[in-house]
Amino acid sequence: DQGKLEEAEPLYKEALEARWDMLGNQHPDTLAALNDVANLLSELGKLEEAELLYAEALRARRESLGNTHPDTLSSINNMANL
């Protein structure tokens, strides 16, 4: 339901902020949360915002995990699906 998704947005963003603060911006859990927010934004039709976050997740995953890690490949797939 679209209404429930909109209610989830601030919660996802809160979780992302907490992970950034506690784990840093390169930690796999932080990058997963970043990807989760991007997924939600995409579902809400906020494609420009989603693209920015997907791109950041992809950049960070390439840098920290390498180009062939499954999480990096997932980020590439997410960018392609926009």
PDB file of N, CA and C in Angstrom:
ATOM      1  N   ASP A   1       0.837  -1.192   0.000  1.00  0.00           N
ATOM      2  CA  ASP A   1       0.000   0.000   0.000  1.00  0.00           C
ATOM      3  C   ASP A   1       0.876   1.248   0.000  1.00  0.00           C
ATOM      4  N   GLN A   2       0.587   2.180  -0.883  1.00  0.00           N
ATOM      5  CA  GLN A   2       1.390   3.394  -1.046  1.00  0.00           C
ATOM      6  C   GLN A   2       1.490   4.179   0.251  1.00  0.00           C
ATOM      7  N   GLY A   3       0.401   4.269   1.025  1.00  0.00           N
ATOM      8  CA  GLY A   3       0.420   5.006   2.281  1.00  0.00           C
ATOM      9  C   GLY A   3       1.389   4.418   3.277  1.00  0.00           C
ATOM     10  N   LYS A   4       1.412   3.111   3.357  1.00  0.00           N
ATOM     11  CA  LYS A   4       2.329   2.431   4.275  1.00  0.00           C
ATOM     12  C   LYS A   4       3.776   2.636   3.855  1.00  0.00           C
ATOM     13  N   LEU A   5       4.030   2.643   2.552  1.00  0.00           N
ATOM     14  CA  LEU A   5       5.388   2.881   2.067  1.00  0.00           C
ATOM     15  C   LEU A   5       5.864   4.274   2.459  1.00  0.00           C
ATOM     16  N   GLU A   6       4.997   5.255   2.328  1.00  0.00           N
ATOM     17  CA  GLU A   6       5.358   6.625   2.694  1.00  0.00           C
ATOM     18  C   GLU A   6       5.635   6.735   4.185  1.00  0.00           C
ATOM     19  N   GLU A   7       4.889   5.979   5.007  1.00  0.00           N
ATOM     20  CA  GLU A   7       5.132   5.973   6.443  1.00  0.00           C
ATOM     21  C   GLU A   7       6.471   5.313   6.765  1.00  0.00           C
ATOM     22  N   ALA A   8       6.893   4.386   5.926  1.00  0.00           N
ATOM     23  CA  ALA A   8       8.143   3.671   6.164  1.00  0.00           C
ATOM     24  C   ALA A   8       9.368   4.515   5.845  1.00  0.00           C
ATOM     25  N   GLU A   9       9.220   5.482   4.966  1.00  0.00           N
ATOM     26  CA  GLU A   9      10.376   6.266   4.512  1.00  0.00           C
ATOM     27  C   GLU A   9      11.167   6.892   5.659  1.00  0.00           C
ATOM     28  N   PRO A  10      10.533   7.620   6.597  1.00  0.00           N
ATOM     29  CA  PRO A  10      11.346   8.214   7.664  1.00  0.00           C
ATOM     30  C   PRO A  10      11.999   7.163   8.563  1.00  0.00           C
ATOM     31  N   LEU A  11      11.372   6.010   8.706  1.00  0.00           N
ATOM     32  CA  LEU A  11      11.960   4.953   9.526  1.00  0.00           C
ATOM     33  C   LEU A  11      13.202   4.363   8.863  1.00  0.00           C
ATOM     34  N   TYR A  12      13.119   4.127   7.562  1.00  0.00           N
ATOM     35  CA  TYR A  12      14.282   3.638   6.820  1.00  0.00           C
ATOM     36  C   TYR A  12      15.429   4.650   6.894  1.00  0.00           C
ATOM     37  N   LYS A  13      15.089   5.929   6.749  1.00  0.00           N
ATOM     38  CA  LYS A  13      16.117   6.965   6.790  1.00  0.00           C
ATOM     39  C   LYS A  13      16.729   7.082   8.187  1.00  0.00           C
ATOM     40  N   GLU A  14      15.920   6.896   9.209  1.00  0.00           N
ATOM     41  CA  GLU A  14      16.434   6.922  10.578  1.00  0.00           C
ATOM     42  C   GLU A  14      17.424   5.772  10.803  1.00  0.00           C
ATOM     43  N   ALA A  15      17.070   4.594  10.325  1.00  0.00           N
ATOM     44  CA  ALA A  15      17.964   3.439  10.452  1.00  0.00           C
ATOM     45  C   ALA A  15      19.267   3.675   9.693  1.00  0.00           C
ATOM     46  N   LEU A  16      19.179   4.265   8.517  1.00  0.00           N
ATOM     47  CA  LEU A  16      20.374   4.571   7.733  1.00  0.00           C
ATOM     48  C   LEU A  16      21.275   5.550   8.485  1.00  0.00           C
ATOM     49  N   GLU A  17      20.693   6.612   9.002  1.00  0.00           N
ATOM     50  CA  GLU A  17      21.469   7.610   9.741  1.00  0.00           C
ATOM     51  C   GLU A  17      22.169   6.968  10.939  1.00  0.00           C
ATOM     52  N   ALA A  18      21.471   6.101  11.656  1.00  0.00           N
ATOM     53  CA  ALA A  18      22.063   5.444  12.825  1.00  0.00           C
ATOM     54  C   ALA A  18      23.234   4.565  12.415  1.00  0.00           C
ATOM     55  N   ARG A  19      23.085   3.863  11.313  1.00  0.00           N
ATOM     56  CA  ARG A  19      24.184   3.010  10.852  1.00  0.00           C
ATOM     57  C   ARG A  19      25.378   3.849  10.401  1.00  0.00           C
ATOM     58  N   TRP A  20      25.097   4.963   9.701  1.00  0.00           N
ATOM     59  CA  TRP A  20      26.190   5.859   9.315  1.00  0.00           C
ATOM     60  C   TRP A  20      26.964   6.310  10.557  1.00  0.00           C
ATOM     61  N   ASP A  21      26.212   6.737  11.578  1.00  0.00           N
ATOM     62  CA  ASP A  21      26.837   7.252  12.790  1.00  0.00           C
ATOM     63  C   ASP A  21      27.615   6.176  13.537  1.00  0.00           C
ATOM     64  N   MET A  22      27.061   4.977  13.626  1.00  0.00           N
ATOM     65  CA  MET A  22      27.683   3.926  14.436  1.00  0.00           C
ATOM     66  C   MET A  22      28.724   3.108  13.681  1.00  0.00           C
ATOM     67  N   LEU A  23      28.490   2.880  12.394  1.00  0.00           N
ATOM     68  CA  LEU A  23      29.334   1.947  11.645  1.00  0.00           C
ATOM     69  C   LEU A  23      30.208   2.603  10.580  1.00  0.00           C
ATOM     70  N   GLY A  24      29.866   3.814  10.196  1.00  0.00           N
ATOM     71  CA  GLY A  24      30.600   4.487   9.129  1.00  0.00           C
ATOM     72  C   GLY A  24      29.954   4.244   7.780  1.00  0.00           C
ATOM     73  N   ASN A  25      30.411   4.992   6.776  1.00  0.00           N
ATOM     74  CA  ASN A  25      29.743   4.964   5.477  1.00  0.00           C
ATOM     75  C   ASN A  25      30.210   3.851   4.553  1.00  0.00           C
ATOM     76  N   GLN A  26      31.200   3.045   4.956  1.00  0.00           N
ATOM     77  CA  GLN A  26      31.681   1.948   4.112  1.00  0.00           C
ATOM     78  C   GLN A  26      31.282   0.576   4.648  1.00  0.00           C
ATOM     79  N   HIS A  27      30.679   0.530   5.819  1.00  0.00           N
ATOM     80  CA  HIS A  27      30.320  -0.755   6.429  1.00  0.00           C
ATOM     81  C   HIS A  27      29.220  -1.431   5.600  1.00  0.00           C
ATOM     82  N   PRO A  28      29.320  -2.749   5.418  1.00  0.00           N
ATOM     83  CA  PRO A  28      28.307  -3.453   4.622  1.00  0.00           C
ATOM     84  C   PRO A  28      26.873  -3.247   5.127  1.00  0.00           C
ATOM     85  N   ASP A  29      26.683  -3.158   6.447  1.00  0.00           N
ATOM     86  CA  ASP A  29      25.329  -2.925   6.965  1.00  0.00           C
ATOM     87  C   ASP A  29      24.825  -1.529   6.608  1.00  0.00           C
ATOM     88  N   THR A  30      25.717  -0.552   6.625  1.00  0.00           N
ATOM     89  CA  THR A  30      25.333   0.805   6.229  1.00  0.00           C
ATOM     90  C   THR A  30      24.960   0.828   4.747  1.00  0.00           C
ATOM     91  N   LEU A  31      25.747   0.154   3.945  1.00  0.00           N
ATOM     92  CA  LEU A  31      25.475   0.131   2.504  1.00  0.00           C
ATOM     93  C   LEU A  31      24.195  -0.627   2.197  1.00  0.00           C
ATOM     94  N   ALA A  32      23.895  -1.666   2.978  1.00  0.00           N
ATOM     95  CA  ALA A  32      22.622  -2.372   2.804  1.00  0.00           C
ATOM     96  C   ALA A  32      21.455  -1.459   3.154  1.00  0.00           C
ATOM     97  N   ALA A  33      21.599  -0.680   4.227  1.00  0.00           N
ATOM     98  CA  ALA A  33      20.545   0.266   4.607  1.00  0.00           C
ATOM     99  C   ALA A  33      20.379   1.347   3.548  1.00  0.00           C
ATOM    100  N   LEU A  34      21.486   1.814   2.988  1.00  0.00           N
ATOM    101  CA  LEU A  34      21.429   2.801   1.901  1.00  0.00           C
ATOM    102  C   LEU A  34      20.659   2.236   0.718  1.00  0.00           C
ATOM    103  N   ASN A  35      20.953   0.995   0.396  1.00  0.00           N
ATOM    104  CA  ASN A  35      20.253   0.325  -0.699  1.00  0.00           C
ATOM    105  C   ASN A  35      18.768   0.157  -0.378  1.00  0.00           C
ATOM    106  N   ASP A  36      18.451  -0.155   0.881  1.00  0.00           N
ATOM    107  CA  ASP A  36      17.048  -0.302   1.290  1.00  0.00           C
ATOM    108  C   ASP A  36      16.272   0.995   1.102  1.00  0.00           C
ATOM    109  N   VAL A  37      16.882   2.114   1.484  1.00  0.00           N
ATOM    110  CA  VAL A  37      16.223   3.416   1.296  1.00  0.00           C
ATOM    111  C   VAL A  37      16.020   3.682  -0.190  1.00  0.00           C
ATOM    112  N   ALA A  38      17.023   3.385  -0.988  1.00  0.00           N
ATOM    113  CA  ALA A  38      16.900   3.582  -2.438  1.00  0.00           C
ATOM    114  C   ALA A  38      15.791   2.714  -3.017  1.00  0.00           C
ATOM    115  N   ASN A  39      15.701   1.473  -2.566  1.00  0.00           N
ATOM    116  CA  ASN A  39      14.620   0.594  -3.028  1.00  0.00           C
ATOM    117  C   ASN A  39      13.254   1.184  -2.706  1.00  0.00           C
ATOM    118  N   LEU A  40      13.101   1.670  -1.486  1.00  0.00           N
ATOM    119  CA  LEU A  40      11.833   2.255  -1.073  1.00  0.00           C
ATOM    120  C   LEU A  40      11.506   3.483  -1.915  1.00  0.00           C
ATOM    121  N   LEU A  41      12.500   4.348  -2.110  1.00  0.00           N
ATOM    122  CA  LEU A  41      12.267   5.542  -2.918  1.00  0.00           C
ATOM    123  C   LEU A  41      11.862   5.179  -4.342  1.00  0.00           C
ATOM    124  N   SER A  42      12.475   4.145  -4.870  1.00  0.00           N
ATOM    125  CA  SER A  42      12.115   3.678  -6.205  1.00  0.00           C
ATOM    126  C   SER A  42      10.667   3.209  -6.240  1.00  0.00           C
ATOM    127  N   GLU A  43      10.270   2.459  -5.223  1.00  0.00           N
ATOM    128  CA  GLU A  43       8.878   1.981  -5.154  1.00  0.00           C
ATOM    129  C   GLU A  43       7.893   3.133  -5.030  1.00  0.00           C
ATOM    130  N   LEU A  44       8.331   4.215  -4.391  1.00  0.00           N
ATOM    131  CA  LEU A  44       7.476   5.394  -4.236  1.00  0.00           C
ATOM    132  C   LEU A  44       7.463   6.271  -5.485  1.00  0.00           C
ATOM    133  N   GLY A  45       8.272   5.902  -6.478  1.00  0.00           N
ATOM    134  CA  GLY A  45       8.333   6.689  -7.701  1.00  0.00           C
ATOM    135  C   GLY A  45       9.280   7.873  -7.621  1.00  0.00           C
ATOM    136  N   LYS A  46      10.084   7.935  -6.575  1.00  0.00           N
ATOM    137  CA  LYS A  46      11.057   9.017  -6.402  1.00  0.00           C
ATOM    138  C   LYS A  46      12.371   8.565  -7.032  1.00  0.00           C
ATOM    139  N   LEU A  47      12.349   8.459  -8.342  1.00  0.00           N
ATOM    140  CA  LEU A  47      13.439   7.817  -9.061  1.00  0.00           C
ATOM    141  C   LEU A  47      14.740   8.604  -9.039  1.00  0.00           C
ATOM    142  N   GLU A  48      14.667   9.914  -9.076  1.00  0.00           N
ATOM    143  CA  GLU A  48      15.898  10.711  -9.036  1.00  0.00           C
ATOM    144  C   GLU A  48      16.606  10.549  -7.695  1.00  0.00           C
ATOM    145  N   GLU A  49      15.833  10.579  -6.617  1.00  0.00           N
ATOM    146  CA  GLU A  49      16.416  10.376  -5.290  1.00  0.00           C
ATOM    147  C   GLU A  49      16.985   8.966  -5.170  1.00  0.00           C
ATOM    148  N   ALA A  50      16.233   7.992  -5.658  1.00  0.00           N
ATOM    149  CA  ALA A  50      16.684   6.602  -5.605  1.00  0.00           C
ATOM    150  C   ALA A  50      17.986   6.433  -6.376  1.00  0.00           C
ATOM    151  N   GLU A  51      18.061   7.044  -7.537  1.00  0.00           N
ATOM    152  CA  GLU A  51      19.259   6.914  -8.369  1.00  0.00           C
ATOM    153  C   GLU A  51      20.497   7.438  -7.647  1.00  0.00           C
ATOM    154  N   LEU A  52      20.359   8.557  -6.950  1.00  0.00           N
ATOM    155  CA  LEU A  52      21.494   9.111  -6.211  1.00  0.00           C
ATOM    156  C   LEU A  52      21.984   8.135  -5.143  1.00  0.00           C
ATOM    157  N   LEU A  53      21.043   7.529  -4.427  1.00  0.00           N
ATOM    158  CA  LEU A  53      21.436   6.599  -3.368  1.00  0.00           C
ATOM    159  C   LEU A  53      21.979   5.299  -3.940  1.00  0.00           C
ATOM    160  N   TYR A  54      21.363   4.789  -5.006  1.00  0.00           N
ATOM    161  CA  TYR A  54      21.904   3.591  -5.660  1.00  0.00           C
ATOM    162  C   TYR A  54      23.326   3.843  -6.150  1.00  0.00           C
ATOM    163  N   ALA A  55      23.555   5.021  -6.714  1.00  0.00           N
ATOM    164  CA  ALA A  55      24.891   5.350  -7.226  1.00  0.00           C
ATOM    165  C   ALA A  55      25.905   5.422  -6.089  1.00  0.00           C
ATOM    166  N   GLU A  56      25.500   5.993  -4.964  1.00  0.00           N
ATOM    167  CA  GLU A  56      26.401   6.064  -3.812  1.00  0.00           C
ATOM    168  C   GLU A  56      26.697   4.665  -3.273  1.00  0.00           C
ATOM    169  N   ALA A  57      25.672   3.819  -3.183  1.00  0.00           N
ATOM    170  CA  ALA A  57      25.884   2.449  -2.719  1.00  0.00           C
ATOM    171  C   ALA A  57      26.821   1.705  -3.664  1.00  0.00           C
ATOM    172  N   LEU A  58      26.622   1.879  -4.954  1.00  0.00           N
ATOM    173  CA  LEU A  58      27.476   1.215  -5.937  1.00  0.00           C
ATOM    174  C   LEU A  58      28.917   1.698  -5.814  1.00  0.00           C
ATOM    175  N   ARG A  59      29.121   2.995  -5.722  1.00  0.00           N
ATOM    176  CA  ARG A  59      30.465   3.548  -5.590  1.00  0.00           C
ATOM    177  C   ARG A  59      31.163   2.996  -4.347  1.00  0.00           C
ATOM    178  N   ALA A  60      30.456   3.028  -3.232  1.00  0.00           N
ATOM    179  CA  ALA A  60      31.049   2.567  -1.973  1.00  0.00           C
ATOM    180  C   ALA A  60      31.300   1.061  -1.985  1.00  0.00           C
ATOM    181  N   ARG A  61      30.387   0.310  -2.569  1.00  0.00           N
ATOM    182  CA  ARG A  61      30.583  -1.140  -2.637  1.00  0.00           C
ATOM    183  C   ARG A  61      31.753  -1.487  -3.551  1.00  0.00           C
ATOM    184  N   ARG A  62      31.880  -0.802  -4.657  1.00  0.00           N
ATOM    185  CA  ARG A  62      33.037  -1.057  -5.531  1.00  0.00           C
ATOM    186  C   ARG A  62      34.336  -0.772  -4.786  1.00  0.00           C
ATOM    187  N   GLU A  63      34.342   0.320  -4.061  1.00  0.00           N
ATOM    188  CA  GLU A  63      35.541   0.731  -3.339  1.00  0.00           C
ATOM    189  C   GLU A  63      35.872  -0.242  -2.199  1.00  0.00           C
ATOM    190  N   SER A  64      34.865  -0.657  -1.440  1.00  0.00           N
ATOM    191  CA  SER A  64      35.142  -1.468  -0.255  1.00  0.00           C
ATOM    192  C   SER A  64      35.091  -2.973  -0.503  1.00  0.00           C
ATOM    193  N   LEU A  65      34.313  -3.412  -1.479  1.00  0.00           N
ATOM    194  CA  LEU A  65      34.123  -4.851  -1.697  1.00  0.00           C
ATOM    195  C   LEU A  65      34.712  -5.356  -3.007  1.00  0.00           C
ATOM    196  N   GLY A  66      34.943  -4.455  -3.942  1.00  0.00           N
ATOM    197  CA  GLY A  66      35.438  -4.858  -5.253  1.00  0.00           C
ATOM    198  C   GLY A  66      34.313  -4.997  -6.260  1.00  0.00           C
ATOM    199  N   ASN A  67      34.691  -5.118  -7.518  1.00  0.00           N
ATOM    200  CA  ASN A  67      33.723  -5.123  -8.617  1.00  0.00           C
ATOM    201  C   ASN A  67      32.932  -6.411  -8.774  1.00  0.00           C
ATOM    202  N   THR A  68      33.432  -7.513  -8.233  1.00  0.00           N
ATOM    203  CA  THR A  68      32.757  -8.791  -8.465  1.00  0.00           C
ATOM    204  C   THR A  68      32.051  -9.346  -7.230  1.00  0.00           C
ATOM    205  N   HIS A  69      32.047  -8.590  -6.139  1.00  0.00           N
ATOM    206  CA  HIS A  69      31.343  -9.046  -4.932  1.00  0.00           C
ATOM    207  C   HIS A  69      29.839  -9.090  -5.215  1.00  0.00           C
ATOM    208  N   PRO A  70      29.131 -10.071  -4.665  1.00  0.00           N
ATOM    209  CA  PRO A  70      27.680 -10.166  -4.912  1.00  0.00           C
ATOM    210  C   PRO A  70      26.904  -8.887  -4.560  1.00  0.00           C
ATOM    211  N   ASP A  71      27.296  -8.189  -3.491  1.00  0.00           N
ATOM    212  CA  ASP A  71      26.594  -6.947  -3.139  1.00  0.00           C
ATOM    213  C   ASP A  71      26.841  -5.856  -4.178  1.00  0.00           C
ATOM    214  N   THR A  72      28.045  -5.799  -4.705  1.00  0.00           N
ATOM    215  CA  THR A  72      28.351  -4.830  -5.757  1.00  0.00           C
ATOM    216  C   THR A  72      27.533  -5.138  -7.006  1.00  0.00           C
ATOM    217  N   LEU A  73      27.478  -6.409  -7.349  1.00  0.00           N
ATOM    218  CA  LEU A  73      26.688  -6.808  -8.518  1.00  0.00           C
ATOM    219  C   LEU A  73      25.207  -6.503  -8.322  1.00  0.00           C
ATOM    220  N   SER A  74      24.734  -6.656  -7.099  1.00  0.00           N
ATOM    221  CA  SER A  74      23.348  -6.291  -6.801  1.00  0.00           C
ATOM    222  C   SER A  74      23.118  -4.799  -7.008  1.00  0.00           C
ATOM    223  N   SER A  75      24.093  -3.986  -6.607  1.00  0.00           N
ATOM    224  CA  SER A  75      23.976  -2.541  -6.814  1.00  0.00           C
ATOM    225  C   SER A  75      23.965  -2.184  -8.291  1.00  0.00           C
ATOM    226  N   ILE A  76      24.778  -2.868  -9.074  1.00  0.00           N
ATOM    227  CA  ILE A  76      24.776  -2.649 -10.529  1.00  0.00           C
ATOM    228  C   ILE A  76      23.405  -2.984 -11.098  1.00  0.00           C
ATOM    229  N   ASN A  77      22.843  -4.077 -10.631  1.00  0.00           N
ATOM    230  CA  ASN A  77      21.515  -4.491 -11.089  1.00  0.00           C
ATOM    231  C   ASN A  77      20.451  -3.457 -10.707  1.00  0.00           C
ATOM    232  N   ASN A  78      20.550  -2.926  -9.499  1.00  0.00           N
ATOM    233  CA  ASN A  78      19.586  -1.914  -9.060  1.00  0.00           C
ATOM    234  C   ASN A  78      19.644  -0.666  -9.943  1.00  0.00           C
ATOM    235  N   MET A  79      20.843  -0.254 -10.288  1.00  0.00           N
ATOM    236  CA  MET A  79      20.977   0.912 -11.178  1.00  0.00           C
ATOM    237  C   MET A  79      20.348   0.615 -12.543  1.00  0.00           C
ATOM    238  N   ALA A  80      20.563  -0.583 -13.033  1.00  0.00           N
ATOM    239  CA  ALA A  80      20.024  -0.948 -14.344  1.00  0.00           C
ATOM    240  C   ALA A  80      18.501  -1.011 -14.334  1.00  0.00           C
ATOM    241  N   ASN A  81      17.923  -1.359 -13.205  1.00  0.00           N
ATOM    242  CA  ASN A  81      16.460  -1.502 -13.111  1.00  0.00           C
ATOM    243  C   ASN A  81      15.726  -0.174 -13.025  1.00  0.00           C
ATOM    244  N   LEU A  82      16.446   0.913 -12.813  1.00  0.00           N
ATOM    245  CA  LEU A  82      15.772   2.227 -12.780  1.00  0.00           C
ATOM    246  C   LEU A  82      15.342   2.535 -14.175  1.00  0.00           C
TER     247      LEU A  82
END
